[in-house]
Amino acid sequence: MEVFAGMLPGITEMANVHPLFVHFPIALLNGFLLMELLGAITDKRSLRSAATWMLYLGTLGAVVTVITGLIAESGVGHGAGVHELMLSHKNHGLIVLAIALILSIWRLAVSARFSTKSRVAHFILAVIMVGTMAVGADKGGLMVYKYGVSVKAVPQMEGADAHDHGGSNGHGEKAETEETDDHHDDEGSTPHGH
């Protein structure tokens, strides 16, 4: 296990593995919807075939993501405000998984014999799935980035150990000035930080 910790120290510091898997269904199921749309527009069988495999792999990813999420839920401390958010995130994930399973089974059963009505219904259900997934992902991001759920606090450095960039960025480069900063809007308002 020490070899693993030496090679991938970030993973060994994680409270749970749910974050390792969440991006697979997000990417694959969004890719499925895009390929399905492009396949319908261009009437290319190869795009529909790609959509099918993205759906199957995205569904498999959703199964793993929901399972790891349910395991993570039981081991993550959180307050009452976060509890409602976590419950909503979980429910969105379960709905996405259910729809992905329905779409996958439907696609397996019907294969290439989709009628026009079935194809439209399948596509509408896929849009609902991706929309639900976007809301659920946003709730997951909110838990992490606003409330710090399952994230270790950054230790505060004091005294000589503190890292301060002062007049430069501390990495051998001059600090950006307003004249050279390209991180502002078109009207030249205050640059945003990273």
N, C-alpha and C. Protein backbone atom coordinates (compact mmCIF):
# COMPACT_ATOMS: atom_id res chain seq x y z
N MET A 1 0.82 -1.19 0.00
CA MET A 1 0.00 0.00 0.00
C MET A 1 0.86 1.26 0.00
N GLU A 2 2.06 1.18 0.58
CA GLU A 2 2.95 2.34 0.60
C GLU A 2 3.42 2.69 -0.80
N VAL A 3 3.61 1.70 -1.65
CA VAL A 3 4.02 1.96 -3.03
C VAL A 3 2.91 2.74 -3.73
N PHE A 4 1.66 2.33 -3.51
CA PHE A 4 0.52 3.02 -4.10
C PHE A 4 0.45 4.45 -3.59
N ALA A 5 0.66 4.64 -2.29
CA ALA A 5 0.63 5.98 -1.70
C ALA A 5 1.75 6.85 -2.26
N GLY A 6 2.89 6.25 -2.56
CA GLY A 6 4.00 7.00 -3.13
C GLY A 6 3.74 7.41 -4.57
N MET A 7 3.06 6.55 -5.31
CA MET A 7 2.78 6.85 -6.72
C MET A 7 1.58 7.79 -6.88
N LEU A 8 0.57 7.61 -6.08
CA LEU A 8 -0.67 8.39 -6.19
C LEU A 8 -1.07 8.94 -4.82
N PRO A 9 -0.30 9.86 -4.28
CA PRO A 9 -0.60 10.35 -2.93
C PRO A 9 -1.93 11.09 -2.83
N GLY A 10 -2.38 11.70 -3.90
CA GLY A 10 -3.65 12.42 -3.87
C GLY A 10 -4.83 11.50 -3.62
N ILE A 11 -4.79 10.32 -4.22
CA ILE A 11 -5.88 9.37 -4.04
C ILE A 11 -5.90 8.83 -2.62
N THR A 12 -4.73 8.57 -2.05
CA THR A 12 -4.70 8.03 -0.69
C THR A 12 -5.15 9.05 0.34
N GLU A 13 -5.12 10.33 -0.01
CA GLU A 13 -5.59 11.38 0.91
C GLU A 13 -7.09 11.61 0.84
N MET A 14 -7.75 11.01 -0.14
CA MET A 14 -9.19 11.22 -0.31
C MET A 14 -9.97 10.51 0.78
N ALA A 15 -11.05 11.15 1.22
CA ALA A 15 -11.91 10.55 2.23
C ALA A 15 -12.70 9.38 1.65
N ASN A 16 -13.00 9.42 0.35
CA ASN A 16 -13.72 8.34 -0.32
C ASN A 16 -13.41 8.42 -1.82
N VAL A 17 -13.77 7.38 -2.56
CA VAL A 17 -13.40 7.32 -3.98
C VAL A 17 -14.50 7.83 -4.91
N HIS A 18 -15.62 8.27 -4.39
CA HIS A 18 -16.71 8.77 -5.22
C HIS A 18 -16.25 9.82 -6.24
N PRO A 19 -15.42 10.80 -5.84
CA PRO A 19 -14.98 11.81 -6.82
C PRO A 19 -14.17 11.24 -7.99
N LEU A 20 -13.58 10.07 -7.81
CA LEU A 20 -12.82 9.46 -8.91
C LEU A 20 -13.72 9.01 -10.06
N PHE A 21 -14.97 8.72 -9.75
CA PHE A 21 -15.86 8.12 -10.74
C PHE A 21 -16.91 9.06 -11.32
N VAL A 22 -17.20 10.17 -10.64
CA VAL A 22 -18.32 11.02 -11.07
C VAL A 22 -18.17 11.58 -12.48
N HIS A 23 -16.96 11.80 -12.93
CA HIS A 23 -16.78 12.43 -14.23
C HIS A 23 -17.01 11.49 -15.41
N PHE A 24 -16.95 10.18 -15.17
CA PHE A 24 -17.18 9.24 -16.26
C PHE A 24 -18.62 9.28 -16.78
N PRO A 25 -19.63 9.13 -15.92
CA PRO A 25 -20.99 9.23 -16.46
C PRO A 25 -21.31 10.62 -16.99
N ILE A 26 -20.76 11.65 -16.36
CA ILE A 26 -21.01 13.01 -16.85
C ILE A 26 -20.50 13.15 -18.28
N ALA A 27 -19.27 12.75 -18.52
CA ALA A 27 -18.69 12.87 -19.86
C ALA A 27 -19.37 11.93 -20.85
N LEU A 28 -19.54 10.69 -20.47
CA LEU A 28 -20.06 9.70 -21.41
C LEU A 28 -21.53 9.92 -21.74
N LEU A 29 -22.34 10.26 -20.75
CA LEU A 29 -23.77 10.46 -21.03
C LEU A 29 -24.02 11.76 -21.79
N ASN A 30 -23.23 12.80 -21.53
CA ASN A 30 -23.31 14.00 -22.36
C ASN A 30 -22.84 13.70 -23.78
N GLY A 31 -21.77 12.91 -23.90
CA GLY A 31 -21.28 12.50 -25.22
C GLY A 31 -22.31 11.68 -25.96
N PHE A 32 -23.00 10.80 -25.25
CA PHE A 32 -24.08 10.01 -25.84
C PHE A 32 -25.14 10.91 -26.45
N LEU A 33 -25.59 11.90 -25.69
CA LEU A 33 -26.63 12.80 -26.19
C LEU A 33 -26.15 13.57 -27.42
N LEU A 34 -24.91 14.04 -27.37
CA LEU A 34 -24.35 14.77 -28.51
C LEU A 34 -24.25 13.88 -29.75
N MET A 35 -23.72 12.67 -29.59
CA MET A 35 -23.59 11.75 -30.73
C MET A 35 -24.97 11.34 -31.27
N GLU A 36 -25.92 11.18 -30.37
CA GLU A 36 -27.28 10.83 -30.79
C GLU A 36 -27.89 11.96 -31.63
N LEU A 37 -27.68 13.19 -31.18
CA LEU A 37 -28.19 14.35 -31.91
C LEU A 37 -27.50 14.46 -33.28
N LEU A 38 -26.17 14.36 -33.29
CA LEU A 38 -25.44 14.43 -34.56
C LEU A 38 -25.81 13.28 -35.49
N GLY A 39 -26.04 12.11 -34.93
CA GLY A 39 -26.46 10.96 -35.73
C GLY A 39 -27.82 11.18 -36.35
N ALA A 40 -28.72 11.82 -35.61
CA ALA A 40 -30.05 12.11 -36.14
C ALA A 40 -29.99 13.17 -37.23
N ILE A 41 -29.15 14.18 -37.02
CA ILE A 41 -29.03 15.27 -38.00
C ILE A 41 -28.38 14.78 -39.29
N THR A 42 -27.31 14.02 -39.16
CA THR A 42 -26.54 13.59 -40.34
C THR A 42 -27.00 12.24 -40.90
N ASP A 43 -27.81 11.51 -40.13
CA ASP A 43 -28.28 10.18 -40.49
C ASP A 43 -27.11 9.21 -40.73
N LYS A 44 -26.06 9.35 -39.90
CA LYS A 44 -24.90 8.47 -40.00
C LYS A 44 -24.99 7.38 -38.92
N ARG A 45 -24.95 6.15 -39.38
CA ARG A 45 -25.03 5.00 -38.48
C ARG A 45 -23.83 4.95 -37.52
N SER A 46 -22.66 5.39 -37.98
CA SER A 46 -21.45 5.34 -37.14
C SER A 46 -21.60 6.25 -35.91
N LEU A 47 -22.26 7.39 -36.07
CA LEU A 47 -22.47 8.28 -34.93
C LEU A 47 -23.46 7.66 -33.94
N ARG A 48 -24.47 7.00 -34.47
CA ARG A 48 -25.44 6.33 -33.59
C ARG A 48 -24.79 5.16 -32.87
N SER A 49 -23.88 4.49 -33.54
CA SER A 49 -23.14 3.39 -32.90
C SER A 49 -22.27 3.93 -31.77
N ALA A 50 -21.60 5.05 -32.02
CA ALA A 50 -20.79 5.69 -30.97
C ALA A 50 -21.68 6.11 -29.81
N ALA A 51 -22.86 6.65 -30.12
CA ALA A 51 -23.81 7.05 -29.08
C ALA A 51 -24.21 5.85 -28.23
N THR A 52 -24.46 4.73 -28.88
CA THR A 52 -24.87 3.52 -28.15
C THR A 52 -23.80 3.10 -27.15
N TRP A 53 -22.55 3.05 -27.59
CA TRP A 53 -21.47 2.63 -26.69
C TRP A 53 -21.24 3.64 -25.58
N MET A 54 -21.40 4.93 -25.88
CA MET A 54 -21.27 5.94 -24.83
C MET A 54 -22.38 5.78 -23.80
N LEU A 55 -23.58 5.46 -24.26
CA LEU A 55 -24.69 5.22 -23.33
C LEU A 55 -24.39 4.03 -22.43
N TYR A 56 -23.95 2.92 -23.01
CA TYR A 56 -23.67 1.73 -22.21
C TYR A 56 -22.56 1.99 -21.20
N LEU A 57 -21.48 2.61 -21.65
CA LEU A 57 -20.36 2.89 -20.74
C LEU A 57 -20.75 3.94 -19.70
N GLY A 58 -21.53 4.93 -20.10
CA GLY A 58 -22.01 5.94 -19.16
C GLY A 58 -22.92 5.35 -18.11
N THR A 59 -23.74 4.39 -18.52
CA THR A 59 -24.63 3.71 -17.57
C THR A 59 -23.81 2.89 -16.58
N LEU A 60 -22.81 2.18 -17.07
CA LEU A 60 -21.91 1.43 -16.18
C LEU A 60 -21.22 2.39 -15.21
N GLY A 61 -20.74 3.53 -15.72
CA GLY A 61 -20.13 4.54 -14.86
C GLY A 61 -21.11 5.08 -13.84
N ALA A 62 -22.37 5.24 -14.23
CA ALA A 62 -23.39 5.73 -13.29
C ALA A 62 -23.64 4.72 -12.18
N VAL A 63 -23.62 3.43 -12.52
CA VAL A 63 -23.80 2.39 -11.49
C VAL A 63 -22.68 2.50 -10.45
N VAL A 64 -21.44 2.57 -10.91
CA VAL A 64 -20.29 2.66 -10.00
C VAL A 64 -20.35 3.97 -9.20
N THR A 65 -20.71 5.06 -9.86
CA THR A 65 -20.77 6.36 -9.20
C THR A 65 -21.83 6.39 -8.12
N VAL A 66 -23.00 5.84 -8.40
CA VAL A 66 -24.07 5.82 -7.39
C VAL A 66 -23.66 4.93 -6.21
N ILE A 67 -23.09 3.77 -6.49
CA ILE A 67 -22.66 2.88 -5.40
C ILE A 67 -21.61 3.57 -4.53
N THR A 68 -20.60 4.16 -5.15
CA THR A 68 -19.56 4.84 -4.35
C THR A 68 -20.13 6.06 -3.63
N GLY A 69 -21.12 6.71 -4.22
CA GLY A 69 -21.77 7.84 -3.58
C GLY A 69 -22.56 7.42 -2.35
N LEU A 70 -23.26 6.31 -2.45
CA LEU A 70 -24.02 5.80 -1.30
C LEU A 70 -23.08 5.39 -0.17
N ILE A 71 -21.95 4.80 -0.52
CA ILE A 71 -20.96 4.44 0.49
C ILE A 71 -20.38 5.70 1.12
N ALA A 72 -20.07 6.69 0.29
CA ALA A 72 -19.49 7.95 0.79
C ALA A 72 -20.46 8.68 1.71
N GLU A 73 -21.74 8.64 1.37
CA GLU A 73 -22.76 9.35 2.16
C GLU A 73 -22.76 8.90 3.62
N SER A 74 -22.57 7.62 3.83
CA SER A 74 -22.63 7.11 5.20
C SER A 74 -21.38 7.46 6.01
N GLY A 75 -20.30 7.84 5.34
CA GLY A 75 -19.06 8.12 6.07
C GLY A 75 -18.65 9.57 6.11
N VAL A 76 -19.51 10.47 5.62
CA VAL A 76 -19.16 11.88 5.55
C VAL A 76 -19.97 12.66 6.58
N GLY A 77 -19.26 13.33 7.48
CA GLY A 77 -19.94 14.17 8.46
C GLY A 77 -20.47 15.42 7.79
N HIS A 78 -21.68 15.84 8.19
CA HIS A 78 -22.26 17.04 7.61
C HIS A 78 -23.38 17.56 8.51
N GLY A 79 -23.65 18.86 8.38
CA GLY A 79 -24.70 19.49 9.17
C GLY A 79 -26.05 19.39 8.49
N ALA A 80 -27.06 19.97 9.15
CA ALA A 80 -28.44 19.89 8.65
C ALA A 80 -28.60 20.58 7.30
N GLY A 81 -27.95 21.73 7.10
CA GLY A 81 -28.05 22.44 5.83
C GLY A 81 -27.49 21.63 4.67
N VAL A 82 -26.39 20.98 4.90
CA VAL A 82 -25.76 20.16 3.86
C VAL A 82 -26.54 18.86 3.66
N HIS A 83 -27.21 18.39 4.70
CA HIS A 83 -27.95 17.14 4.60
C HIS A 83 -29.01 17.21 3.50
N GLU A 84 -29.76 18.30 3.46
CA GLU A 84 -30.79 18.47 2.42
C GLU A 84 -30.15 18.50 1.03
N LEU A 85 -29.03 19.19 0.91
CA LEU A 85 -28.31 19.27 -0.35
C LEU A 85 -27.81 17.89 -0.77
N MET A 86 -27.27 17.14 0.18
CA MET A 86 -26.76 15.79 -0.09
C MET A 86 -27.89 14.86 -0.51
N LEU A 87 -29.03 14.98 0.15
CA LEU A 87 -30.18 14.15 -0.19
C LEU A 87 -30.66 14.45 -1.61
N SER A 88 -30.71 15.72 -1.96
CA SER A 88 -31.11 16.12 -3.32
C SER A 88 -30.10 15.61 -4.35
N HIS A 89 -28.82 15.73 -4.04
CA HIS A 89 -27.75 15.24 -4.93
C HIS A 89 -27.91 13.73 -5.15
N LYS A 90 -28.16 13.00 -4.07
CA LYS A 90 -28.34 11.55 -4.16
C LYS A 90 -29.56 11.22 -5.02
N ASN A 91 -30.67 11.91 -4.78
CA ASN A 91 -31.89 11.63 -5.54
C ASN A 91 -31.70 11.92 -7.03
N HIS A 92 -31.00 12.99 -7.36
CA HIS A 92 -30.72 13.28 -8.76
C HIS A 92 -29.86 12.17 -9.38
N GLY A 93 -28.88 11.69 -8.62
CA GLY A 93 -28.04 10.60 -9.11
C GLY A 93 -28.82 9.32 -9.35
N LEU A 94 -29.74 9.01 -8.44
CA LEU A 94 -30.56 7.80 -8.60
C LEU A 94 -31.49 7.93 -9.81
N ILE A 95 -32.03 9.13 -10.03
CA ILE A 95 -32.89 9.35 -11.20
C ILE A 95 -32.09 9.19 -12.49
N VAL A 96 -30.89 9.76 -12.52
CA VAL A 96 -30.02 9.63 -13.70
C VAL A 96 -29.72 8.16 -13.97
N LEU A 97 -29.38 7.42 -12.92
CA LEU A 97 -29.08 6.00 -13.08
C LEU A 97 -30.30 5.25 -13.61
N ALA A 98 -31.48 5.52 -13.06
CA ALA A 98 -32.70 4.84 -13.51
C ALA A 98 -32.97 5.13 -14.98
N ILE A 99 -32.86 6.40 -15.38
CA ILE A 99 -33.10 6.75 -16.78
C ILE A 99 -32.05 6.12 -17.69
N ALA A 100 -30.79 6.13 -17.27
CA ALA A 100 -29.72 5.53 -18.07
C ALA A 100 -29.95 4.03 -18.25
N LEU A 101 -30.39 3.37 -17.20
CA LEU A 101 -30.70 1.93 -17.30
C LEU A 101 -31.86 1.69 -18.26
N ILE A 102 -32.91 2.52 -18.14
CA ILE A 102 -34.06 2.38 -19.05
C ILE A 102 -33.63 2.58 -20.50
N LEU A 103 -32.86 3.64 -20.75
CA LEU A 103 -32.40 3.91 -22.12
C LEU A 103 -31.52 2.78 -22.65
N SER A 104 -30.64 2.26 -21.79
CA SER A 104 -29.74 1.17 -22.22
C SER A 104 -30.52 -0.10 -22.54
N ILE A 105 -31.44 -0.47 -21.65
CA ILE A 105 -32.23 -1.69 -21.88
C ILE A 105 -33.11 -1.52 -23.12
N TRP A 106 -33.72 -0.36 -23.25
CA TRP A 106 -34.54 -0.05 -24.42
C TRP A 106 -33.72 -0.17 -25.70
N ARG A 107 -32.52 0.36 -25.66
CA ARG A 107 -31.66 0.33 -26.84
C ARG A 107 -31.22 -1.10 -27.16
N LEU A 108 -30.91 -1.87 -26.12
CA LEU A 108 -30.54 -3.27 -26.34
C LEU A 108 -31.70 -4.06 -26.93
N ALA A 109 -32.90 -3.83 -26.42
CA ALA A 109 -34.07 -4.59 -26.86
C ALA A 109 -34.48 -4.24 -28.29
N VAL A 110 -34.43 -2.96 -28.62
CA VAL A 110 -34.92 -2.51 -29.93
C VAL A 110 -33.81 -2.52 -30.97
N SER A 111 -32.59 -2.30 -30.53
CA SER A 111 -31.41 -2.24 -31.41
C SER A 111 -31.60 -1.18 -32.48
N ALA A 112 -31.45 -1.53 -33.73
CA ALA A 112 -31.52 -0.55 -34.83
C ALA A 112 -32.94 -0.38 -35.36
N ARG A 113 -33.92 -1.03 -34.74
CA ARG A 113 -35.29 -1.00 -35.25
C ARG A 113 -36.14 0.09 -34.59
N PHE A 114 -35.54 1.22 -34.26
CA PHE A 114 -36.27 2.33 -33.66
C PHE A 114 -37.24 2.93 -34.68
N SER A 115 -38.49 3.08 -34.28
CA SER A 115 -39.42 3.85 -35.11
C SER A 115 -39.13 5.33 -34.87
N THR A 116 -39.67 6.19 -35.68
CA THR A 116 -39.44 7.63 -35.50
C THR A 116 -39.97 8.09 -34.15
N LYS A 117 -41.16 7.61 -33.77
CA LYS A 117 -41.74 7.99 -32.47
C LYS A 117 -40.86 7.49 -31.32
N SER A 118 -40.38 6.27 -31.42
CA SER A 118 -39.52 5.72 -30.38
C SER A 118 -38.22 6.49 -30.28
N ARG A 119 -37.66 6.85 -31.42
CA ARG A 119 -36.40 7.61 -31.43
C ARG A 119 -36.59 8.97 -30.77
N VAL A 120 -37.71 9.64 -31.05
CA VAL A 120 -38.00 10.95 -30.44
C VAL A 120 -38.19 10.79 -28.94
N ALA A 121 -38.95 9.79 -28.52
CA ALA A 121 -39.17 9.55 -27.08
C ALA A 121 -37.86 9.23 -26.38
N HIS A 122 -37.03 8.41 -27.02
CA HIS A 122 -35.72 8.05 -26.48
C HIS A 122 -34.86 9.29 -26.30
N PHE A 123 -34.88 10.17 -27.30
CA PHE A 123 -34.08 11.40 -27.26
C PHE A 123 -34.59 12.34 -26.16
N ILE A 124 -35.90 12.50 -26.04
CA ILE A 124 -36.47 13.37 -25.00
C ILE A 124 -36.08 12.85 -23.62
N LEU A 125 -36.16 11.55 -23.43
CA LEU A 125 -35.76 10.95 -22.14
C LEU A 125 -34.27 11.19 -21.88
N ALA A 126 -33.46 11.13 -22.93
CA ALA A 126 -32.02 11.39 -22.78
C ALA A 126 -31.77 12.85 -22.39
N VAL A 127 -32.53 13.77 -22.95
CA VAL A 127 -32.39 15.19 -22.59
C VAL A 127 -32.77 15.39 -21.12
N ILE A 128 -33.84 14.74 -20.69
CA ILE A 128 -34.25 14.82 -19.27
C ILE A 128 -33.14 14.27 -18.38
N MET A 129 -32.55 13.14 -18.79
CA MET A 129 -31.46 12.53 -18.02
C MET A 129 -30.28 13.48 -17.89
N VAL A 130 -29.86 14.09 -18.99
CA VAL A 130 -28.70 14.98 -18.96
C VAL A 130 -29.01 16.24 -18.16
N GLY A 131 -30.22 16.76 -18.27
CA GLY A 131 -30.61 17.92 -17.46
C GLY A 131 -30.61 17.61 -15.98
N THR A 132 -31.14 16.45 -15.62
CA THR A 132 -31.15 16.01 -14.23
C THR A 132 -29.72 15.82 -13.73
N MET A 133 -28.87 15.26 -14.58
CA MET A 133 -27.47 15.05 -14.22
C MET A 133 -26.76 16.38 -13.98
N ALA A 134 -27.05 17.39 -14.78
CA ALA A 134 -26.43 18.71 -14.61
C ALA A 134 -26.81 19.32 -13.27
N VAL A 135 -28.08 19.21 -12.90
CA VAL A 135 -28.53 19.76 -11.62
C VAL A 135 -27.88 18.99 -10.47
N GLY A 136 -27.85 17.66 -10.57
CA GLY A 136 -27.23 16.84 -9.53
C GLY A 136 -25.74 17.11 -9.39
N ALA A 137 -25.06 17.28 -10.52
CA ALA A 137 -23.62 17.59 -10.49
C ALA A 137 -23.38 18.95 -9.85
N ASP A 138 -24.25 19.90 -10.15
CA ASP A 138 -24.12 21.23 -9.54
C ASP A 138 -24.27 21.14 -8.02
N LYS A 139 -25.19 20.34 -7.57
CA LYS A 139 -25.39 20.16 -6.12
C LYS A 139 -24.17 19.49 -5.49
N GLY A 140 -23.57 18.54 -6.19
CA GLY A 140 -22.35 17.91 -5.69
C GLY A 140 -21.21 18.90 -5.61
N GLY A 141 -21.07 19.72 -6.64
CA GLY A 141 -20.04 20.76 -6.63
C GLY A 141 -20.26 21.76 -5.52
N LEU A 142 -21.51 22.11 -5.28
CA LEU A 142 -21.84 23.05 -4.20
C LEU A 142 -21.44 22.48 -2.84
N MET A 143 -21.69 21.19 -2.65
CA MET A 143 -21.30 20.56 -1.38
C MET A 143 -19.79 20.64 -1.17
N VAL A 144 -19.04 20.39 -2.22
CA VAL A 144 -17.58 20.39 -2.11
C VAL A 144 -17.02 21.80 -2.03
N TYR A 145 -17.39 22.65 -2.98
CA TYR A 145 -16.73 23.95 -3.10
C TYR A 145 -17.28 25.03 -2.18
N LYS A 146 -18.52 24.91 -1.76
CA LYS A 146 -19.06 25.90 -0.83
C LYS A 146 -18.97 25.43 0.62
N TYR A 147 -19.29 24.15 0.83
CA TYR A 147 -19.34 23.64 2.20
C TYR A 147 -18.15 22.77 2.58
N GLY A 148 -17.30 22.41 1.64
CA GLY A 148 -16.11 21.63 1.94
C GLY A 148 -16.39 20.20 2.37
N VAL A 149 -17.51 19.64 1.92
CA VAL A 149 -17.87 18.28 2.29
C VAL A 149 -16.82 17.31 1.76
N SER A 150 -16.31 16.47 2.62
CA SER A 150 -15.35 15.43 2.29
C SER A 150 -14.01 15.97 1.79
N VAL A 151 -13.70 17.22 2.17
CA VAL A 151 -12.44 17.84 1.78
C VAL A 151 -11.71 18.25 3.05
N LYS A 152 -10.43 17.93 3.11
CA LYS A 152 -9.64 18.34 4.26
C LYS A 152 -9.38 19.84 4.21
N ALA A 153 -9.42 20.47 5.36
CA ALA A 153 -9.13 21.91 5.42
C ALA A 153 -7.66 22.15 5.13
N VAL A 154 -7.38 23.25 4.47
CA VAL A 154 -6.00 23.63 4.19
C VAL A 154 -5.40 24.19 5.47
N PRO A 155 -4.27 23.65 5.91
CA PRO A 155 -3.67 24.17 7.15
C PRO A 155 -3.19 25.61 6.94
N GLN A 156 -3.42 26.44 7.93
CA GLN A 156 -2.98 27.83 7.87
C GLN A 156 -1.52 27.91 8.26
N MET A 157 -0.72 28.53 7.40
CA MET A 157 0.71 28.67 7.65
C MET A 157 0.95 29.98 8.39
N GLU A 158 1.83 29.93 9.36
CA GLU A 158 2.16 31.14 10.10
C GLU A 158 3.67 31.32 10.12
N GLY A 159 4.10 32.56 10.26
CA GLY A 159 5.52 32.86 10.43
C GLY A 159 6.34 32.58 9.20
N ALA A 160 7.53 32.05 9.42
CA ALA A 160 8.52 31.86 8.35
C ALA A 160 8.07 30.82 7.33
N ASP A 161 7.20 29.91 7.72
CA ASP A 161 6.76 28.87 6.80
C ASP A 161 5.69 29.35 5.82
N ALA A 162 5.13 30.52 6.07
CA ALA A 162 4.06 31.02 5.20
C ALA A 162 4.60 31.34 3.81
N HIS A 163 3.84 31.03 2.81
CA HIS A 163 4.23 31.27 1.41
C HIS A 163 3.59 32.58 0.97
N ASP A 164 4.44 33.59 0.71
CA ASP A 164 3.94 34.90 0.31
C ASP A 164 4.63 35.30 -0.97
N HIS A 165 3.85 35.71 -1.95
CA HIS A 165 4.40 36.11 -3.23
C HIS A 165 4.95 37.53 -3.22
N GLY A 166 4.54 38.35 -2.29
CA GLY A 166 5.03 39.72 -2.23
C GLY A 166 4.89 40.43 -3.55
N GLY A 167 5.97 41.00 -4.07
CA GLY A 167 5.93 41.75 -5.32
C GLY A 167 6.05 40.88 -6.55
N SER A 168 6.37 39.60 -6.38
CA SER A 168 6.43 38.71 -7.54
C SER A 168 5.56 37.51 -7.24
N ASN A 169 5.44 36.65 -8.20
CA ASN A 169 4.60 35.49 -7.95
C ASN A 169 5.36 34.37 -7.25
N GLY A 170 6.63 34.59 -6.95
CA GLY A 170 7.41 33.63 -6.19
C GLY A 170 7.86 32.42 -6.98
N HIS A 171 7.63 32.45 -8.26
CA HIS A 171 8.00 31.31 -9.09
C HIS A 171 8.91 31.75 -10.24
N GLY A 172 9.73 32.77 -9.97
CA GLY A 172 10.70 33.21 -10.96
C GLY A 172 10.13 34.13 -12.03
N GLU A 173 8.93 34.62 -11.83
CA GLU A 173 8.31 35.50 -12.81
C GLU A 173 7.82 36.75 -12.10
N LYS A 174 7.72 37.84 -12.85
CA LYS A 174 7.17 39.06 -12.27
C LYS A 174 5.68 38.89 -12.07
N ALA A 175 5.17 39.57 -11.06
CA ALA A 175 3.73 39.55 -10.84
C ALA A 175 3.04 40.27 -11.98
N GLU A 176 1.84 39.81 -12.31
CA GLU A 176 1.09 40.45 -13.39
C GLU A 176 0.67 41.85 -12.96
N THR A 177 0.71 42.76 -13.90
CA THR A 177 0.23 44.11 -13.63
C THR A 177 -1.05 44.32 -14.40
N GLU A 178 -1.72 45.40 -14.11
CA GLU A 178 -2.97 45.68 -14.81
C GLU A 178 -2.75 45.83 -16.31
N GLU A 179 -1.57 46.31 -16.71
CA GLU A 179 -1.31 46.49 -18.13
C GLU A 179 -1.15 45.16 -18.85
N THR A 180 -0.62 44.14 -18.17
CA THR A 180 -0.36 42.87 -18.84
C THR A 180 -1.38 41.81 -18.50
N ASP A 181 -2.27 42.09 -17.57
CA ASP A 181 -3.24 41.09 -17.15
C ASP A 181 -4.35 40.95 -18.19
N ASP A 182 -4.53 39.74 -18.67
CA ASP A 182 -5.60 39.52 -19.64
C ASP A 182 -6.81 38.87 -18.99
N HIS A 183 -6.88 38.89 -17.68
CA HIS A 183 -7.99 38.26 -16.96
C HIS A 183 -8.98 39.31 -16.47
N HIS A 184 -9.53 40.06 -17.36
CA HIS A 184 -10.56 41.03 -16.99
C HIS A 184 -11.57 41.09 -18.12
N ASP A 185 -12.73 41.67 -17.83
CA ASP A 185 -13.74 41.72 -18.87
C ASP A 185 -13.43 42.81 -19.88
N ASP A 186 -14.26 42.89 -20.92
CA ASP A 186 -14.02 43.81 -22.03
C ASP A 186 -13.99 45.27 -21.62
N GLU A 187 -14.64 45.62 -20.53
CA GLU A 187 -14.70 47.01 -20.13
C GLU A 187 -13.55 47.39 -19.22
N GLY A 188 -12.62 46.48 -19.00
CA GLY A 188 -11.42 46.79 -18.23
C GLY A 188 -11.65 46.87 -16.74
N SER A 189 -12.63 46.15 -16.22
CA SER A 189 -12.87 46.19 -14.78
C SER A 189 -11.78 45.44 -14.05
N THR A 190 -11.88 45.37 -12.77
CA THR A 190 -10.86 44.76 -11.93
C THR A 190 -10.60 43.32 -12.35
N PRO A 191 -9.33 42.95 -12.50
CA PRO A 191 -9.00 41.57 -12.87
C PRO A 191 -9.47 40.60 -11.78
N HIS A 192 -9.84 39.41 -12.20
CA HIS A 192 -10.25 38.41 -11.22
C HIS A 192 -9.06 37.56 -10.82
N GLY A 193 -9.14 36.96 -9.67
CA GLY A 193 -8.06 36.10 -9.18
C GLY A 193 -8.23 34.68 -9.66
N HIS A 194 -7.24 33.90 -9.37
CA HIS A 194 -7.28 32.48 -9.75
C HIS A 194 -7.62 31.68 -8.55
